[in-house]
Amino acid sequence: MSNERPFIAAYMMANRPQGTLYVGVTSNLLQRVQQHRDGSFPGFTREHGLKRLVWYEPFEAITDAIRREKALKRYLRDWKINLIERENPHWEDLAKAWFAPSTWRHDP
């Protein structure tokens, strides 16, 4: 992870395929995903075990990423699932390669 350059993104986390979804935005996707995986902050993602990065869209400007996040939050659940499955049909953890193998575990 330390070799990766931070980047701005709108993203979605899940606890399992077709499971609970979280839509977020960040100026450092690598760091933010690590925080979700560690459960560093109390709240929705920690309570629901959302540790799997299932979709993200990089941006040059945080204002564009925020605009996209707000639009995604208005999407119906089915639309979010379609967006994920178009690019990630097996709901793989897209951040898996960014972290050490010991952090790959997901709650069922």
PDB file of N, CA and C in Angstrom:
ATOM      1  N   MET A   1       0.813  -1.186   0.000  1.00  0.00           N
ATOM      2  CA  MET A   1       0.000   0.000   0.000  1.00  0.00           C
ATOM      3  C   MET A   1       0.861   1.255   0.000  1.00  0.00           C
ATOM      4  N   SER A   2       1.995   1.231   0.640  1.00  0.00           N
ATOM      5  CA  SER A   2       2.821   2.424   0.739  1.00  0.00           C
ATOM      6  C   SER A   2       3.361   2.868  -0.620  1.00  0.00           C
ATOM      7  N   ASN A   3       3.426   1.959  -1.592  1.00  0.00           N
ATOM      8  CA  ASN A   3       3.909   2.314  -2.923  1.00  0.00           C
ATOM      9  C   ASN A   3       2.838   2.982  -3.772  1.00  0.00           C
ATOM     10  N   GLU A   4       1.588   2.872  -3.346  1.00  0.00           N
ATOM     11  CA  GLU A   4       0.474   3.423  -4.113  1.00  0.00           C
ATOM     12  C   GLU A   4       0.314   4.908  -3.808  1.00  0.00           C
ATOM     13  N   ARG A   5      -0.011   5.663  -4.830  1.00  0.00           N
ATOM     14  CA  ARG A   5      -0.234   7.099  -4.709  1.00  0.00           C
ATOM     15  C   ARG A   5      -1.684   7.353  -4.306  1.00  0.00           C
ATOM     16  N   PRO A   6      -1.935   8.212  -3.319  1.00  0.00           N
ATOM     17  CA  PRO A   6      -3.319   8.500  -2.933  1.00  0.00           C
ATOM     18  C   PRO A   6      -4.085   9.133  -4.090  1.00  0.00           C
ATOM     19  N   PHE A   7      -5.369   8.841  -4.159  1.00  0.00           N
ATOM     20  CA  PHE A   7      -6.177   9.492  -5.183  1.00  0.00           C
ATOM     21  C   PHE A   7      -7.596   9.730  -4.701  1.00  0.00           C
ATOM     22  N   ILE A   8      -8.208  10.719  -5.305  1.00  0.00           N
ATOM     23  CA  ILE A   8      -9.571  11.142  -5.013  1.00  0.00           C
ATOM     24  C   ILE A   8     -10.518  10.166  -5.685  1.00  0.00           C
ATOM     25  N   ALA A   9     -11.604   9.810  -4.978  1.00  0.00           N
ATOM     26  CA  ALA A   9     -12.555   8.875  -5.575  1.00  0.00           C
ATOM     27  C   ALA A   9     -13.910   8.922  -4.875  1.00  0.00           C
ATOM     28  N   ALA A  10     -14.933   8.593  -5.637  1.00  0.00           N
ATOM     29  CA  ALA A  10     -16.223   8.181  -5.095  1.00  0.00           C
ATOM     30  C   ALA A  10     -16.145   6.659  -5.082  1.00  0.00           C
ATOM     31  N   TYR A  11     -16.735   6.027  -4.081  1.00  0.00           N
ATOM     32  CA  TYR A  11     -16.562   4.584  -3.955  1.00  0.00           C
ATOM     33  C   TYR A  11     -17.748   3.935  -3.258  1.00  0.00           C
ATOM     34  N   MET A  12     -17.820   2.597  -3.382  1.00  0.00           N
ATOM     35  CA  MET A  12     -18.818   1.818  -2.659  1.00  0.00           C
ATOM     36  C   MET A  12     -18.142   0.651  -1.952  1.00  0.00           C
ATOM     37  N   MET A  13     -18.539   0.468  -0.694  1.00  0.00           N
ATOM     38  CA  MET A  13     -18.078  -0.647   0.120  1.00  0.00           C
ATOM     39  C   MET A  13     -19.259  -1.577   0.345  1.00  0.00           C
ATOM     40  N   ALA A  14     -18.958  -2.874   0.547  1.00  0.00           N
ATOM     41  CA  ALA A  14     -19.998  -3.857   0.842  1.00  0.00           C
ATOM     42  C   ALA A  14     -19.456  -4.861   1.852  1.00  0.00           C
ATOM     43  N   ASN A  15     -20.365  -5.584   2.495  1.00  0.00           N
ATOM     44  CA  ASN A  15     -19.946  -6.627   3.422  1.00  0.00           C
ATOM     45  C   ASN A  15     -19.911  -7.994   2.744  1.00  0.00           C
ATOM     46  N   ARG A  16     -20.634  -8.129   1.628  1.00  0.00           N
ATOM     47  CA  ARG A  16     -20.674  -9.381   0.870  1.00  0.00           C
ATOM     48  C   ARG A  16     -21.393  -9.094  -0.446  1.00  0.00           C
ATOM     49  N   PRO A  17     -21.338 -10.010  -1.404  1.00  0.00           N
ATOM     50  CA  PRO A  17     -22.092  -9.803  -2.642  1.00  0.00           C
ATOM     51  C   PRO A  17     -23.575  -9.611  -2.355  1.00  0.00           C
ATOM     52  N   GLN A  18     -24.162  -8.619  -2.974  1.00  0.00           N
ATOM     53  CA  GLN A  18     -25.577  -8.276  -2.814  1.00  0.00           C
ATOM     54  C   GLN A  18     -25.920  -7.863  -1.386  1.00  0.00           C
ATOM     55  N   GLY A  19     -24.913  -7.551  -0.578  1.00  0.00           N
ATOM     56  CA  GLY A  19     -25.144  -7.220   0.825  1.00  0.00           C
ATOM     57  C   GLY A  19     -25.384  -5.730   1.050  1.00  0.00           C
ATOM     58  N   THR A  20     -25.081  -5.301   2.243  1.00  0.00           N
ATOM     59  CA  THR A  20     -25.231  -3.906   2.623  1.00  0.00           C
ATOM     60  C   THR A  20     -24.218  -3.067   1.863  1.00  0.00           C
ATOM     61  N   LEU A  21     -24.645  -1.889   1.401  1.00  0.00           N
ATOM     62  CA  LEU A  21     -23.785  -0.995   0.622  1.00  0.00           C
ATOM     63  C   LEU A  21     -23.568   0.331   1.347  1.00  0.00           C
ATOM     64  N   TYR A  22     -22.402   0.894   1.117  1.00  0.00           N
ATOM     65  CA  TYR A  22     -22.068   2.226   1.610  1.00  0.00           C
ATOM     66  C   TYR A  22     -21.457   3.006   0.459  1.00  0.00           C
ATOM     67  N   VAL A  23     -21.923   4.221   0.245  1.00  0.00           N
ATOM     68  CA  VAL A  23     -21.374   5.113  -0.777  1.00  0.00           C
ATOM     69  C   VAL A  23     -20.592   6.201  -0.066  1.00  0.00           C
ATOM     70  N   GLY A  24     -19.361   6.436  -0.515  1.00  0.00           N
ATOM     71  CA  GLY A  24     -18.529   7.450   0.109  1.00  0.00           C
ATOM     72  C   GLY A  24     -17.704   8.216  -0.897  1.00  0.00           C
ATOM     73  N   VAL A  25     -16.981   9.203  -0.378  1.00  0.00           N
ATOM     74  CA  VAL A  25     -16.065  10.007  -1.181  1.00  0.00           C
ATOM     75  C   VAL A  25     -14.843  10.290  -0.312  1.00  0.00           C
ATOM     76  N   THR A  26     -13.686  10.369  -0.947  1.00  0.00           N
ATOM     77  CA  THR A  26     -12.455  10.593  -0.193  1.00  0.00           C
ATOM     78  C   THR A  26     -11.394  11.228  -1.075  1.00  0.00           C
ATOM     79  N   SER A  27     -10.466  11.897  -0.428  1.00  0.00           N
ATOM     80  CA  SER A  27      -9.316  12.443  -1.153  1.00  0.00           C
ATOM     81  C   SER A  27      -8.145  11.464  -1.152  1.00  0.00           C
ATOM     82  N   ASN A  28      -8.284  10.348  -0.413  1.00  0.00           N
ATOM     83  CA  ASN A  28      -7.228   9.336  -0.355  1.00  0.00           C
ATOM     84  C   ASN A  28      -7.886   7.959  -0.222  1.00  0.00           C
ATOM     85  N   LEU A  29      -8.210   7.351  -1.342  1.00  0.00           N
ATOM     86  CA  LEU A  29      -8.950   6.091  -1.333  1.00  0.00           C
ATOM     87  C   LEU A  29      -8.197   4.991  -0.597  1.00  0.00           C
ATOM     88  N   LEU A  30      -6.908   4.888  -0.783  1.00  0.00           N
ATOM     89  CA  LEU A  30      -6.133   3.827  -0.131  1.00  0.00           C
ATOM     90  C   LEU A  30      -6.250   3.917   1.386  1.00  0.00           C
ATOM     91  N   GLN A  31      -6.044   5.107   1.908  1.00  0.00           N
ATOM     92  CA  GLN A  31      -6.124   5.315   3.356  1.00  0.00           C
ATOM     93  C   GLN A  31      -7.548   5.068   3.865  1.00  0.00           C
ATOM     94  N   ARG A  32      -8.526   5.548   3.128  1.00  0.00           N
ATOM     95  CA  ARG A  32      -9.918   5.411   3.572  1.00  0.00           C
ATOM     96  C   ARG A  32     -10.357   3.949   3.580  1.00  0.00           C
ATOM     97  N   VAL A  33      -9.976   3.186   2.568  1.00  0.00           N
ATOM     98  CA  VAL A  33     -10.321   1.767   2.552  1.00  0.00           C
ATOM     99  C   VAL A  33      -9.663   1.056   3.736  1.00  0.00           C
ATOM    100  N   GLN A  34      -8.428   1.398   4.039  1.00  0.00           N
ATOM    101  CA  GLN A  34      -7.754   0.799   5.199  1.00  0.00           C
ATOM    102  C   GLN A  34      -8.517   1.119   6.481  1.00  0.00           C
ATOM    103  N   GLN A  35      -9.021   2.331   6.603  1.00  0.00           N
ATOM    104  CA  GLN A  35      -9.809   2.703   7.783  1.00  0.00           C
ATOM    105  C   GLN A  35     -11.092   1.877   7.868  1.00  0.00           C
ATOM    106  N   HIS A  36     -11.743   1.660   6.736  1.00  0.00           N
ATOM    107  CA  HIS A  36     -12.938   0.803   6.736  1.00  0.00           C
ATOM    108  C   HIS A  36     -12.571  -0.616   7.159  1.00  0.00           C
ATOM    109  N   ARG A  37     -11.488  -1.133   6.622  1.00  0.00           N
ATOM    110  CA  ARG A  37     -11.070  -2.507   6.914  1.00  0.00           C
ATOM    111  C   ARG A  37     -10.688  -2.672   8.382  1.00  0.00           C
ATOM    112  N   ASP A  38     -10.052  -1.643   8.954  1.00  0.00           N
ATOM    113  CA  ASP A  38      -9.633  -1.684  10.361  1.00  0.00           C
ATOM    114  C   ASP A  38     -10.777  -1.403  11.323  1.00  0.00           C
ATOM    115  N   GLY A  39     -11.855  -0.803  10.810  1.00  0.00           N
ATOM    116  CA  GLY A  39     -12.934  -0.371  11.693  1.00  0.00           C
ATOM    117  C   GLY A  39     -12.500   0.783  12.567  1.00  0.00           C
ATOM    118  N   SER A  40     -11.636   1.651  12.031  1.00  0.00           N
ATOM    119  CA  SER A  40     -11.042   2.746  12.790  1.00  0.00           C
ATOM    120  C   SER A  40     -12.046   3.741  13.357  1.00  0.00           C
ATOM    121  N   PHE A  41     -13.169   3.913  12.683  1.00  0.00           N
ATOM    122  CA  PHE A  41     -14.142   4.900  13.113  1.00  0.00           C
ATOM    123  C   PHE A  41     -15.482   4.237  13.402  1.00  0.00           C
ATOM    124  N   PRO A  42     -16.135   4.657  14.487  1.00  0.00           N
ATOM    125  CA  PRO A  42     -17.468   4.107  14.749  1.00  0.00           C
ATOM    126  C   PRO A  42     -18.452   4.582  13.685  1.00  0.00           C
ATOM    127  N   GLY A  43     -19.509   3.834  13.509  1.00  0.00           N
ATOM    128  CA  GLY A  43     -20.534   4.255  12.565  1.00  0.00           C
ATOM    129  C   GLY A  43     -21.021   3.118  11.693  1.00  0.00           C
ATOM    130  N   PHE A  44     -21.712   3.498  10.643  1.00  0.00           N
ATOM    131  CA  PHE A  44     -22.402   2.561   9.757  1.00  0.00           C
ATOM    132  C   PHE A  44     -21.495   1.479   9.203  1.00  0.00           C
ATOM    133  N   THR A  45     -20.345   1.856   8.653  1.00  0.00           N
ATOM    134  CA  THR A  45     -19.501   0.851   7.995  1.00  0.00           C
ATOM    135  C   THR A  45     -18.932  -0.148   9.000  1.00  0.00           C
ATOM    136  N   ARG A  46     -18.571   0.311  10.173  1.00  0.00           N
ATOM    137  CA  ARG A  46     -18.050  -0.613  11.184  1.00  0.00           C
ATOM    138  C   ARG A  46     -19.167  -1.506  11.726  1.00  0.00           C
ATOM    139  N   GLU A  47     -20.325  -0.932  11.985  1.00  0.00           N
ATOM    140  CA  GLU A  47     -21.463  -1.706  12.511  1.00  0.00           C
ATOM    141  C   GLU A  47     -21.891  -2.815  11.558  1.00  0.00           C
ATOM    142  N   HIS A  48     -21.766  -2.573  10.253  1.00  0.00           N
ATOM    143  CA  HIS A  48     -22.222  -3.544   9.261  1.00  0.00           C
ATOM    144  C   HIS A  48     -21.084  -4.354   8.630  1.00  0.00           C
ATOM    145  N   GLY A  49     -19.869  -4.160   9.089  1.00  0.00           N
ATOM    146  CA  GLY A  49     -18.736  -4.930   8.577  1.00  0.00           C
ATOM    147  C   GLY A  49     -18.441  -4.685   7.109  1.00  0.00           C
ATOM    148  N   LEU A  50     -18.548  -3.434   6.685  1.00  0.00           N
ATOM    149  CA  LEU A  50     -18.327  -3.096   5.275  1.00  0.00           C
ATOM    150  C   LEU A  50     -16.831  -2.897   5.035  1.00  0.00           C
ATOM    151  N   LYS A  51     -16.175  -3.961   4.575  1.00  0.00           N
ATOM    152  CA  LYS A  51     -14.717  -3.965   4.404  1.00  0.00           C
ATOM    153  C   LYS A  51     -14.280  -4.252   2.982  1.00  0.00           C
ATOM    154  N   ARG A  52     -15.215  -4.486   2.098  1.00  0.00           N
ATOM    155  CA  ARG A  52     -14.917  -4.885   0.724  1.00  0.00           C
ATOM    156  C   ARG A  52     -15.165  -3.711  -0.223  1.00  0.00           C
ATOM    157  N   LEU A  53     -14.109  -3.226  -0.875  1.00  0.00           N
ATOM    158  CA  LEU A  53     -14.249  -2.175  -1.890  1.00  0.00           C
ATOM    159  C   LEU A  53     -14.755  -2.843  -3.166  1.00  0.00           C
ATOM    160  N   VAL A  54     -15.995  -2.537  -3.550  1.00  0.00           N
ATOM    161  CA  VAL A  54     -16.593  -3.221  -4.701  1.00  0.00           C
ATOM    162  C   VAL A  54     -16.697  -2.344  -5.945  1.00  0.00           C
ATOM    163  N   TRP A  55     -16.535  -1.030  -5.766  1.00  0.00           N
ATOM    164  CA  TRP A  55     -16.616  -0.120  -6.909  1.00  0.00           C
ATOM    165  C   TRP A  55     -15.956   1.196  -6.518  1.00  0.00           C
ATOM    166  N   TYR A  56     -15.265   1.806  -7.483  1.00  0.00           N
ATOM    167  CA  TYR A  56     -14.773   3.168  -7.269  1.00  0.00           C
ATOM    168  C   TYR A  56     -14.588   3.850  -8.602  1.00  0.00           C
ATOM    169  N   GLU A  57     -14.607   5.176  -8.542  1.00  0.00           N
ATOM    170  CA  GLU A  57     -14.395   6.006  -9.721  1.00  0.00           C
ATOM    171  C   GLU A  57     -13.432   7.121  -9.332  1.00  0.00           C
ATOM    172  N   PRO A  58     -12.244   7.149  -9.922  1.00  0.00           N
ATOM    173  CA  PRO A  58     -11.274   8.191  -9.581  1.00  0.00           C
ATOM    174  C   PRO A  58     -11.626   9.533 -10.219  1.00  0.00           C
ATOM    175  N   PHE A  59     -11.203  10.600  -9.561  1.00  0.00           N
ATOM    176  CA  PHE A  59     -11.436  11.964 -10.035  1.00  0.00           C
ATOM    177  C   PHE A  59     -10.186  12.805  -9.845  1.00  0.00           C
ATOM    178  N   GLU A  60     -10.079  13.846 -10.642  1.00  0.00           N
ATOM    179  CA  GLU A  60      -8.993  14.813 -10.493  1.00  0.00           C
ATOM    180  C   GLU A  60      -9.300  15.835  -9.395  1.00  0.00           C
ATOM    181  N   ALA A  61     -10.572  16.179  -9.256  1.00  0.00           N
ATOM    182  CA  ALA A  61     -10.970  17.215  -8.298  1.00  0.00           C
ATOM    183  C   ALA A  61     -11.964  16.650  -7.290  1.00  0.00           C
ATOM    184  N   ILE A  62     -11.784  17.003  -6.023  1.00  0.00           N
ATOM    185  CA  ILE A  62     -12.678  16.531  -4.975  1.00  0.00           C
ATOM    186  C   ILE A  62     -14.107  17.017  -5.203  1.00  0.00           C
ATOM    187  N   THR A  63     -14.277  18.193  -5.785  1.00  0.00           N
ATOM    188  CA  THR A  63     -15.631  18.711  -6.032  1.00  0.00           C
ATOM    189  C   THR A  63     -16.394  17.797  -6.996  1.00  0.00           C
ATOM    190  N   ASP A  64     -15.707  17.261  -7.984  1.00  0.00           N
ATOM    191  CA  ASP A  64     -16.343  16.326  -8.925  1.00  0.00           C
ATOM    192  C   ASP A  64     -16.697  15.013  -8.231  1.00  0.00           C
ATOM    193  N   ALA A  65     -15.811  14.551  -7.359  1.00  0.00           N
ATOM    194  CA  ALA A  65     -16.064  13.308  -6.625  1.00  0.00           C
ATOM    195  C   ALA A  65     -17.256  13.467  -5.680  1.00  0.00           C
ATOM    196  N   ILE A  66     -17.352  14.610  -5.038  1.00  0.00           N
ATOM    197  CA  ILE A  66     -18.479  14.877  -4.140  1.00  0.00           C
ATOM    198  C   ILE A  66     -19.783  14.921  -4.926  1.00  0.00           C
ATOM    199  N   ARG A  67     -19.755  15.536  -6.080  1.00  0.00           N
ATOM    200  CA  ARG A  67     -20.942  15.595  -6.934  1.00  0.00           C
ATOM    201  C   ARG A  67     -21.390  14.177  -7.322  1.00  0.00           C
ATOM    202  N   ARG A  68     -20.438  13.329  -7.662  1.00  0.00           N
ATOM    203  CA  ARG A  68     -20.750  11.941  -8.035  1.00  0.00           C
ATOM    204  C   ARG A  68     -21.299  11.171  -6.837  1.00  0.00           C
ATOM    205  N   GLU A  69     -20.688  11.347  -5.661  1.00  0.00           N
ATOM    206  CA  GLU A  69     -21.172  10.674  -4.459  1.00  0.00           C
ATOM    207  C   GLU A  69     -22.625  11.060  -4.173  1.00  0.00           C
ATOM    208  N   LYS A  70     -22.932  12.331  -4.259  1.00  0.00           N
ATOM    209  CA  LYS A  70     -24.302  12.787  -4.002  1.00  0.00           C
ATOM    210  C   LYS A  70     -25.279  12.173  -4.998  1.00  0.00           C
ATOM    211  N   ALA A  71     -24.871  12.068  -6.252  1.00  0.00           N
ATOM    212  CA  ALA A  71     -25.730  11.437  -7.265  1.00  0.00           C
ATOM    213  C   ALA A  71     -25.928   9.955  -6.940  1.00  0.00           C
ATOM    214  N   LEU A  72     -24.858   9.259  -6.574  1.00  0.00           N
ATOM    215  CA  LEU A  72     -24.945   7.837  -6.247  1.00  0.00           C
ATOM    216  C   LEU A  72     -25.859   7.589  -5.053  1.00  0.00           C
ATOM    217  N   LYS A  73     -25.819   8.481  -4.087  1.00  0.00           N
ATOM    218  CA  LYS A  73     -26.664   8.313  -2.904  1.00  0.00           C
ATOM    219  C   LYS A  73     -28.145   8.438  -3.250  1.00  0.00           C
ATOM    220  N   ARG A  74     -28.453   9.098  -4.349  1.00  0.00           N
ATOM    221  CA  ARG A  74     -29.849   9.216  -4.801  1.00  0.00           C
ATOM    222  C   ARG A  74     -30.277   8.011  -5.654  1.00  0.00           C
ATOM    223  N   TYR A  75     -29.314   7.201  -6.085  1.00  0.00           N
ATOM    224  CA  TYR A  75     -29.630   6.024  -6.891  1.00  0.00           C
ATOM    225  C   TYR A  75     -30.467   5.040  -6.079  1.00  0.00           C
ATOM    226  N   LEU A  76     -31.339   4.340  -6.778  1.00  0.00           N
ATOM    227  CA  LEU A  76     -32.019   3.200  -6.173  1.00  0.00           C
ATOM    228  C   LEU A  76     -30.988   2.095  -5.943  1.00  0.00           C
ATOM    229  N   ARG A  77     -31.253   1.226  -4.994  1.00  0.00           N
ATOM    230  CA  ARG A  77     -30.335   0.123  -4.692  1.00  0.00           C
ATOM    231  C   ARG A  77     -30.037  -0.710  -5.940  1.00  0.00           C
ATOM    232  N   ASP A  78     -31.068  -1.016  -6.723  1.00  0.00           N
ATOM    233  CA  ASP A  78     -30.853  -1.809  -7.945  1.00  0.00           C
ATOM    234  C   ASP A  78     -29.895  -1.125  -8.907  1.00  0.00           C
ATOM    235  N   TRP A  79     -29.951   0.185  -8.995  1.00  0.00           N
ATOM    236  CA  TRP A  79     -29.043   0.914  -9.888  1.00  0.00           C
ATOM    237  C   TRP A  79     -27.608   0.796  -9.392  1.00  0.00           C
ATOM    238  N   LYS A  80     -27.425   0.881  -8.073  1.00  0.00           N
ATOM    239  CA  LYS A  80     -26.081   0.739  -7.495  1.00  0.00           C
ATOM    240  C   LYS A  80     -25.541  -0.664  -7.782  1.00  0.00           C
ATOM    241  N   ILE A  81     -26.379  -1.662  -7.590  1.00  0.00           N
ATOM    242  CA  ILE A  81     -25.963  -3.046  -7.843  1.00  0.00           C
ATOM    243  C   ILE A  81     -25.596  -3.225  -9.318  1.00  0.00           C
ATOM    244  N   ASN A  82     -26.384  -2.673 -10.208  1.00  0.00           N
ATOM    245  CA  ASN A  82     -26.073  -2.758 -11.638  1.00  0.00           C
ATOM    246  C   ASN A  82     -24.740  -2.092 -11.952  1.00  0.00           C
ATOM    247  N   LEU A  83     -24.475  -0.948 -11.343  1.00  0.00           N
ATOM    248  CA  LEU A  83     -23.210  -0.246 -11.558  1.00  0.00           C
ATOM    249  C   LEU A  83     -22.040  -1.106 -11.086  1.00  0.00           C
ATOM    250  N   ILE A  84     -22.174  -1.695  -9.918  1.00  0.00           N
ATOM    251  CA  ILE A  84     -21.120  -2.572  -9.395  1.00  0.00           C
ATOM    252  C   ILE A  84     -20.916  -3.774 -10.317  1.00  0.00           C
ATOM    253  N   GLU A  85     -22.011  -4.439 -10.652  1.00  0.00           N
ATOM    254  CA  GLU A  85     -21.896  -5.687 -11.410  1.00  0.00           C
ATOM    255  C   GLU A  85     -21.467  -5.488 -12.857  1.00  0.00           C
ATOM    256  N   ARG A  86     -21.640  -4.301 -13.382  1.00  0.00           N
ATOM    257  CA  ARG A  86     -21.157  -4.012 -14.735  1.00  0.00           C
ATOM    258  C   ARG A  86     -19.633  -4.095 -14.787  1.00  0.00           C
ATOM    259  N   GLU A  87     -18.973  -3.631 -13.726  1.00  0.00           N
ATOM    260  CA  GLU A  87     -17.504  -3.613 -13.696  1.00  0.00           C
ATOM    261  C   GLU A  87     -16.909  -4.698 -12.802  1.00  0.00           C
ATOM    262  N   ASN A  88     -17.699  -5.213 -11.881  1.00  0.00           N
ATOM    263  CA  ASN A  88     -17.194  -6.157 -10.890  1.00  0.00           C
ATOM    264  C   ASN A  88     -18.273  -7.226 -10.631  1.00  0.00           C
ATOM    265  N   PRO A  89     -18.539  -8.081 -11.623  1.00  0.00           N
ATOM    266  CA  PRO A  89     -19.662  -9.014 -11.533  1.00  0.00           C
ATOM    267  C   PRO A  89     -19.585 -10.020 -10.380  1.00  0.00           C
ATOM    268  N   HIS A  90     -18.401 -10.300  -9.884  1.00  0.00           N
ATOM    269  CA  HIS A  90     -18.240 -11.275  -8.803  1.00  0.00           C
ATOM    270  C   HIS A  90     -18.043 -10.609  -7.442  1.00  0.00           C
ATOM    271  N   TRP A  91     -18.208  -9.304  -7.402  1.00  0.00           N
ATOM    272  CA  TRP A  91     -18.103  -8.539  -6.154  1.00  0.00           C
ATOM    273  C   TRP A  91     -16.754  -8.779  -5.474  1.00  0.00           C
ATOM    274  N   GLU A  92     -15.704  -8.833  -6.270  1.00  0.00           N
ATOM    275  CA  GLU A  92     -14.358  -9.001  -5.723  1.00  0.00           C
ATOM    276  C   GLU A  92     -13.971  -7.755  -4.929  1.00  0.00           C
ATOM    277  N   ASP A  93     -13.072  -7.935  -3.974  1.00  0.00           N
ATOM    278  CA  ASP A  93     -12.528  -6.794  -3.235  1.00  0.00           C
ATOM    279  C   ASP A  93     -11.472  -6.141  -4.119  1.00  0.00           C
ATOM    280  N   LEU A  94     -11.786  -4.982  -4.668  1.00  0.00           N
ATOM    281  CA  LEU A  94     -10.893  -4.311  -5.614  1.00  0.00           C
ATOM    282  C   LEU A  94      -9.616  -3.793  -4.954  1.00  0.00           C
ATOM    283  N   ALA A  95      -9.608  -3.729  -3.637  1.00  0.00           N
ATOM    284  CA  ALA A  95      -8.429  -3.245  -2.911  1.00  0.00           C
ATOM    285  C   ALA A  95      -7.548  -4.380  -2.397  1.00  0.00           C
ATOM    286  N   LYS A  96      -7.918  -5.601  -2.685  1.00  0.00           N
ATOM    287  CA  LYS A  96      -7.198  -6.756  -2.148  1.00  0.00           C
ATOM    288  C   LYS A  96      -5.685  -6.685  -2.404  1.00  0.00           C
ATOM    289  N   ALA A  97      -5.300  -6.299  -3.579  1.00  0.00           N
ATOM    290  CA  ALA A  97      -3.873  -6.248  -3.937  1.00  0.00           C
ATOM    291  C   ALA A  97      -3.132  -5.106  -3.243  1.00  0.00           C
ATOM    292  N   TRP A  98      -3.858  -4.166  -2.676  1.00  0.00           N
ATOM    293  CA  TRP A  98      -3.230  -3.006  -2.035  1.00  0.00           C
ATOM    294  C   TRP A  98      -2.720  -3.300  -0.635  1.00  0.00           C
ATOM    295  N   PHE A  99      -3.185  -4.395  -0.042  1.00  0.00           N
ATOM    296  CA  PHE A  99      -2.911  -4.661   1.361  1.00  0.00           C
ATOM    297  C   PHE A  99      -2.266  -6.022   1.558  1.00  0.00           C
ATOM    298  N   ALA A 100      -1.654  -6.193   2.714  1.00  0.00           N
ATOM    299  CA  ALA A 100      -1.020  -7.465   3.059  1.00  0.00           C
ATOM    300  C   ALA A 100      -2.075  -8.565   3.146  1.00  0.00           C
ATOM    301  N   PRO A 101      -1.702  -9.805   2.825  1.00  0.00           N
ATOM    302  CA  PRO A 101      -2.660 -10.908   2.854  1.00  0.00           C
ATOM    303  C   PRO A 101      -3.413 -11.053   4.175  1.00  0.00           C
ATOM    304  N   SER A 102      -2.825 -10.690   5.288  1.00  0.00           N
ATOM    305  CA  SER A 102      -3.496 -10.856   6.581  1.00  0.00           C
ATOM    306  C   SER A 102      -4.730  -9.968   6.714  1.00  0.00           C
ATOM    307  N   THR A 103      -4.898  -8.979   5.851  1.00  0.00           N
ATOM    308  CA  THR A 103      -6.060  -8.086   5.932  1.00  0.00           C
ATOM    309  C   THR A 103      -7.128  -8.459   4.921  1.00  0.00           C
ATOM    310  N   TRP A 104      -6.993  -9.576   4.224  1.00  0.00           N
ATOM    311  CA  TRP A 104      -7.948  -9.949   3.180  1.00  0.00           C
ATOM    312  C   TRP A 104      -9.251 -10.486   3.733  1.00  0.00           C
ATOM    313  N   ARG A 105      -9.261 -10.936   4.947  1.00  0.00           N
ATOM    314  CA  ARG A 105     -10.442 -11.594   5.491  1.00  0.00           C
ATOM    315  C   ARG A 105     -11.653 -10.680   5.490  1.00  0.00           C
ATOM    316  N   HIS A 106     -12.790 -11.274   5.198  1.00  0.00           N
ATOM    317  CA  HIS A 106     -14.080 -10.565   5.237  1.00  0.00           C
ATOM    318  C   HIS A 106     -15.018 -11.373   6.104  1.00  0.00           C
ATOM    319  N   ASP A 107     -15.871 -10.698   6.797  1.00  0.00           N
ATOM    320  CA  ASP A 107     -16.905 -11.404   7.564  1.00  0.00           C
ATOM    321  C   ASP A 107     -17.910 -11.962   6.570  1.00  0.00           C
ATOM    322  N   PRO A 108     -18.409 -13.181   6.812  1.00  0.00           N
ATOM    323  CA  PRO A 108     -19.363 -13.787   5.857  1.00  0.00           C
ATOM    324  C   PRO A 108     -20.676 -13.030   5.802  1.00  0.00           C
TER     325      PRO A 108
END
